[in-house]
Amino acid sequence: MRLNLSFGLAFTTVKRSENWQFNAVPFSSEGFYSLDTKKNETVSLIINPKIEIPLRSFLGITISPMVQLNKHKTYVGV
């Protein structure tokens, strides 16, 4: 089993949809939503370790969780 630890800084753009408003079409059952999009740019810390499990000399499994940390949002995934 082997652990490869990767980390570093990234420039991140965070987009969020805000101010959702339903706009009905007159004399119809249809409508649509209007929204505002807010965009922030920030620096993030990325932590991405890789866990490698060899099964044979030519076959193995890799699990790679990732954490992205910044002042607007935290992302965790595998």
N, C-alpha and C. Protein backbone atom coordinates (compact mmCIF):
# COMPACT_ATOMS: atom_id res chain seq x y z
N MET A 1 0.84 -1.17 0.00
CA MET A 1 0.00 0.00 0.00
C MET A 1 0.89 1.24 0.00
N ARG A 2 0.45 2.27 -0.72
CA ARG A 2 1.27 3.47 -0.84
C ARG A 2 0.37 4.70 -0.71
N LEU A 3 0.87 5.75 -0.07
CA LEU A 3 0.15 7.00 0.10
C LEU A 3 0.95 8.11 -0.56
N ASN A 4 0.34 8.80 -1.52
CA ASN A 4 0.95 9.96 -2.17
C ASN A 4 0.17 11.18 -1.73
N LEU A 5 0.79 12.07 -0.98
CA LEU A 5 0.11 13.26 -0.48
C LEU A 5 0.41 14.44 -1.40
N SER A 6 -0.64 15.05 -1.94
CA SER A 6 -0.51 16.22 -2.80
C SER A 6 -1.28 17.37 -2.19
N PHE A 7 -0.70 18.55 -2.20
CA PHE A 7 -1.41 19.73 -1.74
C PHE A 7 -0.82 20.95 -2.41
N GLY A 8 -1.60 22.01 -2.45
CA GLY A 8 -1.12 23.24 -3.07
C GLY A 8 -2.19 24.30 -3.09
N LEU A 9 -1.87 25.42 -3.73
CA LEU A 9 -2.78 26.55 -3.84
C LEU A 9 -3.41 26.57 -5.23
N ALA A 10 -4.64 27.07 -5.29
CA ALA A 10 -5.34 27.19 -6.56
C ALA A 10 -6.10 28.51 -6.60
N PHE A 11 -6.24 29.08 -7.78
CA PHE A 11 -7.08 30.26 -7.98
C PHE A 11 -8.46 29.76 -8.37
N THR A 12 -9.49 30.10 -7.58
CA THR A 12 -10.81 29.52 -7.73
C THR A 12 -11.84 30.61 -8.01
N THR A 13 -12.76 30.32 -8.94
CA THR A 13 -13.91 31.17 -9.19
C THR A 13 -15.15 30.47 -8.66
N VAL A 14 -15.86 31.12 -7.73
CA VAL A 14 -17.07 30.56 -7.13
C VAL A 14 -18.26 31.34 -7.67
N LYS A 15 -19.20 30.62 -8.35
CA LYS A 15 -20.41 31.25 -8.87
C LYS A 15 -21.62 30.73 -8.10
N ARG A 16 -22.48 31.66 -7.68
CA ARG A 16 -23.69 31.29 -6.94
C ARG A 16 -24.89 31.96 -7.58
N SER A 17 -26.00 31.23 -7.63
CA SER A 17 -27.26 31.80 -8.11
C SER A 17 -28.04 32.33 -6.93
N GLU A 18 -28.50 33.58 -7.04
CA GLU A 18 -29.23 34.23 -5.95
C GLU A 18 -30.47 34.92 -6.51
N ASN A 19 -31.36 35.32 -5.60
CA ASN A 19 -32.51 36.13 -5.92
C ASN A 19 -33.41 35.47 -6.97
N TRP A 20 -33.79 34.23 -6.72
CA TRP A 20 -34.69 33.51 -7.62
C TRP A 20 -36.06 34.17 -7.61
N GLN A 21 -36.62 34.44 -8.79
CA GLN A 21 -37.96 35.02 -8.89
C GLN A 21 -38.72 34.32 -10.00
N PHE A 22 -39.94 33.88 -9.68
CA PHE A 22 -40.78 33.22 -10.68
C PHE A 22 -41.53 34.28 -11.47
N ASN A 23 -41.42 34.23 -12.78
CA ASN A 23 -42.11 35.16 -13.66
C ASN A 23 -43.15 34.38 -14.45
N ALA A 24 -44.40 34.59 -14.13
CA ALA A 24 -45.49 33.88 -14.81
C ALA A 24 -45.78 34.57 -16.14
N VAL A 25 -46.10 33.77 -17.14
CA VAL A 25 -46.51 34.29 -18.44
C VAL A 25 -48.02 34.58 -18.35
N PRO A 26 -48.47 35.80 -18.67
CA PRO A 26 -49.89 36.12 -18.54
C PRO A 26 -50.78 35.21 -19.41
N PHE A 27 -51.91 34.80 -18.86
CA PHE A 27 -52.91 33.97 -19.52
C PHE A 27 -52.35 32.61 -19.94
N SER A 28 -51.43 32.09 -19.17
CA SER A 28 -50.82 30.79 -19.47
C SER A 28 -50.45 30.12 -18.15
N SER A 29 -50.30 28.80 -18.20
CA SER A 29 -49.86 28.07 -17.01
C SER A 29 -48.34 27.96 -16.97
N GLU A 30 -47.66 28.57 -17.92
CA GLU A 30 -46.20 28.49 -18.00
C GLU A 30 -45.56 29.69 -17.30
N GLY A 31 -44.30 29.56 -17.05
CA GLY A 31 -43.53 30.63 -16.45
C GLY A 31 -42.07 30.27 -16.48
N PHE A 32 -41.26 31.15 -15.99
CA PHE A 32 -39.82 30.90 -15.93
C PHE A 32 -39.25 31.60 -14.71
N TYR A 33 -38.06 31.23 -14.35
CA TYR A 33 -37.38 31.84 -13.21
C TYR A 33 -36.28 32.77 -13.72
N SER A 34 -36.20 33.92 -13.10
CA SER A 34 -35.06 34.80 -13.35
C SER A 34 -34.20 34.76 -12.09
N LEU A 35 -32.93 34.99 -12.26
CA LEU A 35 -32.01 34.92 -11.13
C LEU A 35 -30.83 35.82 -11.37
N ASP A 36 -30.13 36.11 -10.31
CA ASP A 36 -28.89 36.87 -10.37
C ASP A 36 -27.74 35.91 -10.05
N THR A 37 -26.63 36.11 -10.72
CA THR A 37 -25.46 35.27 -10.49
C THR A 37 -24.38 36.12 -9.83
N LYS A 38 -23.88 35.63 -8.71
CA LYS A 38 -22.81 36.33 -7.99
C LYS A 38 -21.52 35.53 -8.18
N LYS A 39 -20.44 36.21 -8.52
CA LYS A 39 -19.17 35.55 -8.80
C LYS A 39 -18.09 36.12 -7.87
N ASN A 40 -17.36 35.22 -7.22
CA ASN A 40 -16.24 35.60 -6.36
C ASN A 40 -15.00 34.84 -6.81
N GLU A 41 -13.88 35.51 -6.78
CA GLU A 41 -12.60 34.87 -7.09
C GLU A 41 -11.76 34.88 -5.83
N THR A 42 -11.15 33.74 -5.55
CA THR A 42 -10.40 33.61 -4.30
C THR A 42 -9.28 32.59 -4.48
N VAL A 43 -8.44 32.50 -3.49
CA VAL A 43 -7.36 31.50 -3.45
C VAL A 43 -7.82 30.35 -2.56
N SER A 44 -7.61 29.13 -3.03
CA SER A 44 -8.03 27.94 -2.28
C SER A 44 -6.82 27.08 -1.94
N LEU A 45 -6.96 26.33 -0.86
CA LEU A 45 -5.99 25.31 -0.50
C LEU A 45 -6.56 23.97 -0.94
N ILE A 46 -5.82 23.23 -1.76
CA ILE A 46 -6.25 21.92 -2.26
C ILE A 46 -5.42 20.85 -1.56
N ILE A 47 -6.11 19.86 -0.99
CA ILE A 47 -5.46 18.70 -0.38
C ILE A 47 -5.99 17.48 -1.11
N ASN A 48 -5.09 16.71 -1.75
CA ASN A 48 -5.51 15.60 -2.59
C ASN A 48 -4.59 14.39 -2.39
N PRO A 49 -4.79 13.62 -1.32
CA PRO A 49 -3.98 12.41 -1.15
C PRO A 49 -4.47 11.28 -2.05
N LYS A 50 -3.57 10.43 -2.46
CA LYS A 50 -3.92 9.25 -3.26
C LYS A 50 -3.46 8.01 -2.51
N ILE A 51 -4.38 7.11 -2.31
CA ILE A 51 -4.07 5.85 -1.65
C ILE A 51 -4.06 4.76 -2.71
N GLU A 52 -2.93 4.14 -2.92
CA GLU A 52 -2.77 3.11 -3.95
C GLU A 52 -2.65 1.74 -3.28
N ILE A 53 -3.47 0.81 -3.75
CA ILE A 53 -3.46 -0.55 -3.21
C ILE A 53 -3.16 -1.50 -4.36
N PRO A 54 -1.95 -2.05 -4.43
CA PRO A 54 -1.64 -2.99 -5.52
C PRO A 54 -2.26 -4.36 -5.23
N LEU A 55 -2.89 -4.93 -6.26
CA LEU A 55 -3.45 -6.27 -6.15
C LEU A 55 -2.55 -7.29 -6.85
N ARG A 56 -2.00 -6.91 -7.96
CA ARG A 56 -1.03 -7.71 -8.73
C ARG A 56 0.08 -6.76 -9.19
N SER A 57 1.04 -7.27 -9.90
CA SER A 57 2.12 -6.41 -10.40
C SER A 57 1.63 -5.45 -11.49
N PHE A 58 0.49 -5.74 -12.10
CA PHE A 58 -0.04 -4.91 -13.17
C PHE A 58 -1.44 -4.37 -12.88
N LEU A 59 -1.99 -4.64 -11.70
CA LEU A 59 -3.36 -4.28 -11.38
C LEU A 59 -3.45 -3.73 -9.96
N GLY A 60 -4.23 -2.67 -9.79
CA GLY A 60 -4.38 -2.11 -8.45
C GLY A 60 -5.59 -1.20 -8.36
N ILE A 61 -5.82 -0.68 -7.18
CA ILE A 61 -6.93 0.23 -6.91
C ILE A 61 -6.35 1.52 -6.35
N THR A 62 -6.88 2.66 -6.82
CA THR A 62 -6.48 3.96 -6.31
C THR A 62 -7.71 4.69 -5.79
N ILE A 63 -7.63 5.20 -4.58
CA ILE A 63 -8.69 6.02 -4.00
C ILE A 63 -8.10 7.41 -3.79
N SER A 64 -8.81 8.43 -4.29
CA SER A 64 -8.25 9.77 -4.26
C SER A 64 -9.26 10.78 -3.71
N PRO A 65 -9.32 10.96 -2.38
CA PRO A 65 -10.19 12.00 -1.84
C PRO A 65 -9.60 13.38 -2.10
N MET A 66 -10.47 14.40 -2.12
CA MET A 66 -10.00 15.77 -2.34
C MET A 66 -10.75 16.72 -1.42
N VAL A 67 -10.03 17.68 -0.88
CA VAL A 67 -10.62 18.74 -0.07
C VAL A 67 -10.15 20.07 -0.65
N GLN A 68 -11.12 20.95 -0.89
CA GLN A 68 -10.81 22.30 -1.38
C GLN A 68 -11.34 23.28 -0.34
N LEU A 69 -10.45 24.07 0.22
CA LEU A 69 -10.81 25.01 1.29
C LEU A 69 -10.60 26.44 0.82
N ASN A 70 -11.62 27.28 0.98
CA ASN A 70 -11.47 28.71 0.77
C ASN A 70 -12.48 29.44 1.65
N LYS A 71 -12.49 30.76 1.63
CA LYS A 71 -13.34 31.51 2.55
C LYS A 71 -14.82 31.52 2.14
N HIS A 72 -15.14 31.09 0.92
CA HIS A 72 -16.52 31.09 0.45
C HIS A 72 -17.19 29.72 0.55
N LYS A 73 -16.43 28.66 0.34
CA LYS A 73 -17.03 27.34 0.24
C LYS A 73 -15.98 26.27 0.54
N THR A 74 -16.43 25.12 1.04
CA THR A 74 -15.57 23.97 1.25
C THR A 74 -16.11 22.83 0.42
N TYR A 75 -15.24 22.20 -0.37
CA TYR A 75 -15.64 21.07 -1.20
C TYR A 75 -14.91 19.83 -0.72
N VAL A 76 -15.64 18.73 -0.57
CA VAL A 76 -15.06 17.45 -0.19
C VAL A 76 -15.59 16.42 -1.18
N GLY A 77 -14.73 15.62 -1.76
CA GLY A 77 -15.15 14.60 -2.70
C GLY A 77 -14.15 13.47 -2.79
N VAL A 78 -14.59 12.36 -3.41
CA VAL A 78 -13.72 11.20 -3.62
C VAL A 78 -13.77 10.84 -5.08
